[in-house]
PDB file of all heavy atoms in Angstrom:
ATOM      1  N   ARG A   1     117.640 119.395 129.044  1.00  0.00           N
ATOM      2  CA  ARG A   1     117.451 119.398 130.501  1.00  0.00           C
ATOM      3  C   ARG A   1     116.404 118.376 130.940  1.00  0.00           C
ATOM      4  O   ARG A   1     115.578 118.630 131.834  1.00  0.00           O
ATOM      5  CB  ARG A   1     117.080 120.800 130.987  1.00  0.00           C
ATOM      6  CG  ARG A   1     118.129 121.853 130.641  1.00  0.00           C
ATOM      7  CD  ARG A   1     117.748 123.233 131.091  1.00  0.00           C
ATOM      8  NE  ARG A   1     118.685 124.223 130.562  1.00  0.00           N
ATOM      9  CZ  ARG A   1     118.622 125.521 130.827  1.00  0.00           C
ATOM     10  NH1 ARG A   1     117.660 126.004 131.600  1.00  0.00           N
ATOM     11  NH2 ARG A   1     119.508 126.348 130.302  1.00  0.00           N
ATOM     12  N   GLY A   2     116.425 117.225 130.273  1.00  0.00           N
ATOM     13  CA  GLY A   2     115.559 116.129 130.671  1.00  0.00           C
ATOM     14  C   GLY A   2     114.127 116.210 130.214  1.00  0.00           C
ATOM     15  O   GLY A   2     113.293 115.405 130.624  1.00  0.00           O
ATOM     16  N   GLU A   3     113.807 117.174 129.325  1.00  0.00           N
ATOM     17  CA  GLU A   3     112.439 117.331 128.845  1.00  0.00           C
ATOM     18  C   GLU A   3     112.426 117.370 127.321  1.00  0.00           C
ATOM     19  O   GLU A   3     113.335 117.932 126.697  1.00  0.00           O
ATOM     20  CB  GLU A   3     111.811 118.621 129.391  1.00  0.00           C
ATOM     21  CG  GLU A   3     111.695 118.660 130.914  1.00  0.00           C
ATOM     22  CD  GLU A   3     111.085 119.951 131.400  1.00  0.00           C
ATOM     23  OE1 GLU A   3     111.223 120.980 130.701  1.00  0.00           O
ATOM     24  OE2 GLU A   3     110.462 119.945 132.481  1.00  0.00           O
ATOM     25  N   ILE A   4     111.394 116.785 126.715  1.00  0.00           N
ATOM     26  CA  ILE A   4     111.244 116.825 125.261  1.00  0.00           C
ATOM     27  C   ILE A   4     110.687 118.198 124.885  1.00  0.00           C
ATOM     28  O   ILE A   4     109.595 118.581 125.295  1.00  0.00           O
ATOM     29  CB  ILE A   4     110.302 115.711 124.764  1.00  0.00           C
ATOM     30  CG1 ILE A   4     110.857 114.328 125.142  1.00  0.00           C
ATOM     31  CG2 ILE A   4     110.119 115.821 123.249  1.00  0.00           C
ATOM     32  CD1 ILE A   4     112.194 113.988 124.513  1.00  0.00           C
ATOM     33  N   LYS A   5     111.464 118.922 124.080  1.00  0.00           N
ATOM     34  CA  LYS A   5     111.082 120.277 123.686  1.00  0.00           C
ATOM     35  C   LYS A   5     110.468 120.348 122.295  1.00  0.00           C
ATOM     36  O   LYS A   5     109.779 121.315 121.972  1.00  0.00           O
ATOM     37  CB  LYS A   5     112.307 121.193 123.728  1.00  0.00           C
ATOM     38  CG  LYS A   5     112.977 121.279 125.085  1.00  0.00           C
ATOM     39  CD  LYS A   5     112.053 121.886 126.121  1.00  0.00           C
ATOM     40  CE  LYS A   5     112.755 122.055 127.462  1.00  0.00           C
ATOM     41  NZ  LYS A   5     111.860 122.628 128.489  1.00  0.00           N
ATOM     42  N   LEU A   6     110.738 119.347 121.484  1.00  0.00           N
ATOM     43  CA  LEU A   6     110.247 119.337 120.112  1.00  0.00           C
ATOM     44  C   LEU A   6     110.146 117.882 119.674  1.00  0.00           C
ATOM     45  O   LEU A   6     111.037 117.082 119.968  1.00  0.00           O
ATOM     46  CB  LEU A   6     111.225 120.094 119.210  1.00  0.00           C
ATOM     47  CG  LEU A   6     110.778 120.429 117.790  1.00  0.00           C
ATOM     48  CD1 LEU A   6     109.644 121.442 117.818  1.00  0.00           C
ATOM     49  CD2 LEU A   6     111.947 120.978 116.980  1.00  0.00           C
ATOM     50  N   TYR A   7     109.064 117.555 118.960  1.00  0.00           N
ATOM     51  CA  TYR A   7     108.852 116.143 118.605  1.00  0.00           C
ATOM     52  C   TYR A   7     107.874 116.058 117.451  1.00  0.00           C
ATOM     53  O   TYR A   7     106.839 116.732 117.437  1.00  0.00           O
ATOM     54  CB  TYR A   7     108.301 115.399 119.830  1.00  0.00           C
ATOM     55  CG  TYR A   7     107.659 114.059 119.555  1.00  0.00           C
ATOM     56  CD1 TYR A   7     108.386 113.019 119.000  1.00  0.00           C
ATOM     57  CD2 TYR A   7     106.320 113.837 119.866  1.00  0.00           C
ATOM     58  CE1 TYR A   7     107.804 111.785 118.755  1.00  0.00           C
ATOM     59  CE2 TYR A   7     105.716 112.605 119.633  1.00  0.00           C
ATOM     60  CZ  TYR A   7     106.467 111.585 119.072  1.00  0.00           C
ATOM     61  OH  TYR A   7     105.890 110.366 118.834  1.00  0.00           O
ATOM     62  N   GLY A   8     108.206 115.255 116.444  1.00  0.00           N
ATOM     63  CA  GLY A   8     107.264 115.037 115.364  1.00  0.00           C
ATOM     64  C   GLY A   8     107.936 114.832 114.022  1.00  0.00           C
ATOM     65  O   GLY A   8     109.140 114.592 113.925  1.00  0.00           O
ATOM     66  N   GLU A   9     107.136 114.923 112.954  1.00  0.00           N
ATOM     67  CA  GLU A   9     107.635 114.802 111.592  1.00  0.00           C
ATOM     68  C   GLU A   9     108.546 115.982 111.283  1.00  0.00           C
ATOM     69  O   GLU A   9     108.170 117.136 111.492  1.00  0.00           O
ATOM     70  CB  GLU A   9     106.467 114.791 110.600  1.00  0.00           C
ATOM     71  CG  GLU A   9     105.552 113.592 110.699  1.00  0.00           C
ATOM     72  CD  GLU A   9     106.151 112.372 110.008  1.00  0.00           C
ATOM     73  OE1 GLU A   9     107.125 112.564 109.236  1.00  0.00           O
ATOM     74  OE2 GLU A   9     105.648 111.263 110.230  1.00  0.00           O
ATOM     75  N   LEU A  10     109.735 115.687 110.771  1.00  0.00           N
ATOM     76  CA  LEU A  10     110.707 116.744 110.547  1.00  0.00           C
ATOM     77  C   LEU A  10     110.205 117.781 109.544  1.00  0.00           C
ATOM     78  O   LEU A  10     110.310 118.991 109.793  1.00  0.00           O
ATOM     79  CB  LEU A  10     112.036 116.141 110.069  1.00  0.00           C
ATOM     80  CG  LEU A  10     113.177 117.132 109.785  1.00  0.00           C
ATOM     81  CD1 LEU A  10     113.422 118.043 110.973  1.00  0.00           C
ATOM     82  CD2 LEU A  10     114.438 116.376 109.419  1.00  0.00           C
ATOM     83  N   ASP A  11     109.650 117.346 108.433  1.00  0.00           N
ATOM     84  CA  ASP A  11     109.178 118.299 107.430  1.00  0.00           C
ATOM     85  C   ASP A  11     108.073 119.192 107.988  1.00  0.00           C
ATOM     86  O   ASP A  11     108.048 120.404 107.731  1.00  0.00           O
ATOM     87  CB  ASP A  11     108.675 117.566 106.189  1.00  0.00           C
ATOM     88  CG  ASP A  11     109.812 116.982 105.364  1.00  0.00           C
ATOM     89  OD1 ASP A  11     110.968 117.399 105.576  1.00  0.00           O
ATOM     90  OD2 ASP A  11     109.544 116.105 104.517  1.00  0.00           O
ATOM     91  N   SER A  12     107.163 118.606 108.753  1.00  0.00           N
ATOM     92  CA  SER A  12     106.072 119.397 109.344  1.00  0.00           C
ATOM     93  C   SER A  12     106.614 120.405 110.350  1.00  0.00           C
ATOM     94  O   SER A  12     106.146 121.549 110.408  1.00  0.00           O
ATOM     95  CB  SER A  12     105.061 118.472 110.027  1.00  0.00           C
ATOM     96  OG  SER A  12     104.455 117.619 109.094  1.00  0.00           O
ATOM     97  N   LEU A  13     107.588 119.976 111.140  1.00  0.00           N
ATOM     98  CA  LEU A  13     108.183 120.876 112.122  1.00  0.00           C
ATOM     99  C   LEU A  13     108.904 122.037 111.446  1.00  0.00           C
ATOM    100  O   LEU A  13     108.853 123.174 111.924  1.00  0.00           O
ATOM    101  CB  LEU A  13     109.147 120.113 113.032  1.00  0.00           C
ATOM    102  CG  LEU A  13     108.508 119.101 113.982  1.00  0.00           C
ATOM    103  CD1 LEU A  13     109.585 118.267 114.668  1.00  0.00           C
ATOM    104  CD2 LEU A  13     107.648 119.804 115.020  1.00  0.00           C
ATOM    105  N   ARG A  14     109.578 121.757 110.341  1.00  0.00           N
ATOM    106  CA  ARG A  14     110.278 122.818 109.618  1.00  0.00           C
ATOM    107  C   ARG A  14     109.288 123.844 109.094  1.00  0.00           C
ATOM    108  O   ARG A  14     109.538 125.044 109.149  1.00  0.00           O
ATOM    109  CB  ARG A  14     111.099 122.231 108.473  1.00  0.00           C
ATOM    110  CG  ARG A  14     112.318 121.447 108.928  1.00  0.00           C
ATOM    111  CD  ARG A  14     113.038 120.818 107.765  1.00  0.00           C
ATOM    112  NE  ARG A  14     113.550 121.830 106.862  1.00  0.00           N
ATOM    113  CZ  ARG A  14     114.045 121.561 105.651  1.00  0.00           C
ATOM    114  NH1 ARG A  14     114.051 120.320 105.211  1.00  0.00           N
ATOM    115  NH2 ARG A  14     114.510 122.530 104.893  1.00  0.00           N
ATOM    116  N   ARG A  15     108.152 123.386 108.590  1.00  0.00           N
ATOM    117  CA  ARG A  15     107.139 124.326 108.091  1.00  0.00           C
ATOM    118  C   ARG A  15     106.499 125.096 109.229  1.00  0.00           C
ATOM    119  O   ARG A  15     106.226 126.292 109.113  1.00  0.00           O
ATOM    120  CB  ARG A  15     106.071 123.569 107.299  1.00  0.00           C
ATOM    121  CG  ARG A  15     106.545 123.035 105.949  1.00  0.00           C
ATOM    122  CD  ARG A  15     105.382 122.563 105.114  1.00  0.00           C
ATOM    123  NE  ARG A  15     104.739 121.403 105.700  1.00  0.00           N
ATOM    124  CZ  ARG A  15     105.076 120.144 105.401  1.00  0.00           C
ATOM    125  NH1 ARG A  15     106.048 119.910 104.550  1.00  0.00           N
ATOM    126  NH2 ARG A  15     104.446 119.139 105.966  1.00  0.00           N
ATOM    127  N   LYS A  16     106.261 124.410 110.338  1.00  0.00           N
ATOM    128  CA  LYS A  16     105.567 125.027 111.463  1.00  0.00           C
ATOM    129  C   LYS A  16     106.456 125.979 112.254  1.00  0.00           C
ATOM    130  O   LYS A  16     106.044 127.093 112.608  1.00  0.00           O
ATOM    131  CB  LYS A  16     105.042 123.936 112.402  1.00  0.00           C
ATOM    132  CG  LYS A  16     104.306 124.461 113.621  1.00  0.00           C
ATOM    133  CD  LYS A  16     103.821 123.304 114.484  1.00  0.00           C
ATOM    134  CE  LYS A  16     103.131 123.808 115.747  1.00  0.00           C
ATOM    135  NZ  LYS A  16     102.687 122.691 116.601  1.00  0.00           N
ATOM    136  N   MET A  17     107.685 125.537 112.526  1.00  0.00           N
ATOM    137  CA  MET A  17     108.561 126.304 113.397  1.00  0.00           C
ATOM    138  C   MET A  17     109.358 127.368 112.650  1.00  0.00           C
ATOM    139  O   MET A  17     109.738 128.385 113.222  1.00  0.00           O
ATOM    140  CB  MET A  17     109.554 125.371 114.105  1.00  0.00           C
ATOM    141  CG  MET A  17     108.910 124.294 114.931  1.00  0.00           C
ATOM    142  SD  MET A  17     108.033 124.945 116.367  1.00  0.00           S
ATOM    143  CE  MET A  17     109.387 125.689 117.285  1.00  0.00           C
ATOM    144  N   GLY A  18     109.653 127.102 111.391  1.00  0.00           N
ATOM    145  CA  GLY A  18     110.502 128.032 110.643  1.00  0.00           C
ATOM    146  C   GLY A  18     109.696 129.137 109.985  1.00  0.00           C
ATOM    147  O   GLY A  18     108.490 129.057 109.797  1.00  0.00           O
ATOM    148  N   ARG A  19     110.395 130.184 109.629  1.00  0.00           N
ATOM    149  CA  ARG A  19     109.768 131.274 108.905  1.00  0.00           C
ATOM    150  C   ARG A  19     109.685 130.888 107.434  1.00  0.00           C
ATOM    151  O   ARG A  19     110.691 130.568 106.818  1.00  0.00           O
ATOM    152  CB  ARG A  19     110.601 132.551 109.061  1.00  0.00           C
ATOM    153  CG  ARG A  19     110.676 133.032 110.497  1.00  0.00           C
ATOM    154  CD  ARG A  19     111.510 134.273 110.634  1.00  0.00           C
ATOM    155  NE  ARG A  19     112.909 134.021 110.298  1.00  0.00           N
ATOM    156  CZ  ARG A  19     113.877 134.907 110.462  1.00  0.00           C
ATOM    157  NH1 ARG A  19     113.591 136.106 110.948  1.00  0.00           N
ATOM    158  NH2 ARG A  19     115.119 134.625 110.133  1.00  0.00           N
ATOM    159  N   SER A  20     108.465 130.922 106.889  1.00  0.00           N
ATOM    160  CA  SER A  20     108.294 130.595 105.485  1.00  0.00           C
ATOM    161  C   SER A  20     108.836 131.744 104.666  1.00  0.00           C
ATOM    162  O   SER A  20     108.451 132.897 104.860  1.00  0.00           O
ATOM    163  CB  SER A  20     106.810 130.367 105.189  1.00  0.00           C
ATOM    164  OG  SER A  20     106.626 130.098 103.828  1.00  0.00           O
ATOM    165  N   GLY A  21     109.737 131.453 103.755  1.00  0.00           N
ATOM    166  CA  GLY A  21     110.379 132.516 103.009  1.00  0.00           C
ATOM    167  C   GLY A  21     110.379 132.273 101.524  1.00  0.00           C
ATOM    168  O   GLY A  21     110.029 131.197 101.032  1.00  0.00           O
ATOM    169  N   VAL A  22     110.783 133.307 100.796  1.00  0.00           N
ATOM    170  CA  VAL A  22     110.944 133.250  99.355  1.00  0.00           C
ATOM    171  C   VAL A  22     112.344 133.755  99.041  1.00  0.00           C
ATOM    172  O   VAL A  22     112.747 134.820  99.527  1.00  0.00           O
ATOM    173  CB  VAL A  22     109.885 134.113  98.630  1.00  0.00           C
ATOM    174  CG1 VAL A  22     110.184 134.190  97.145  1.00  0.00           C
ATOM    175  CG2 VAL A  22     108.488 133.559  98.869  1.00  0.00           C
ATOM    176  N   VAL A  23     113.075 132.997  98.253  1.00  0.00           N
ATOM    177  CA  VAL A  23     114.429 133.384  97.858  1.00  0.00           C
ATOM    178  C   VAL A  23     114.463 133.523  96.342  1.00  0.00           C
ATOM    179  O   VAL A  23     114.071 132.609  95.617  1.00  0.00           O
ATOM    180  CB  VAL A  23     115.475 132.355  98.320  1.00  0.00           C
ATOM    181  CG1 VAL A  23     116.866 132.757  97.830  1.00  0.00           C
ATOM    182  CG2 VAL A  23     115.472 132.227  99.838  1.00  0.00           C
ATOM    183  N   ILE A  24     114.942 134.680  95.877  1.00  0.00           N
ATOM    184  CA  ILE A  24     115.037 134.941  94.444  1.00  0.00           C
ATOM    185  C   ILE A  24     116.470 135.329  94.118  1.00  0.00           C
ATOM    186  O   ILE A  24     117.020 136.264  94.714  1.00  0.00           O
ATOM    187  CB  ILE A  24     114.064 136.061  94.020  1.00  0.00           C
ATOM    188  CG1 ILE A  24     112.621 135.605  94.273  1.00  0.00           C
ATOM    189  CG2 ILE A  24     114.272 136.423  92.555  1.00  0.00           C
ATOM    190  CD1 ILE A  24     111.580 136.647  93.963  1.00  0.00           C
TER     191      ILE A  24
END
């Protein structure tokens, strides 16, 4: 909608925005 909602290094954004999880 004409506004930047997210911006930056992809790896950093994934760590920051996503839930850190453990898969076994």
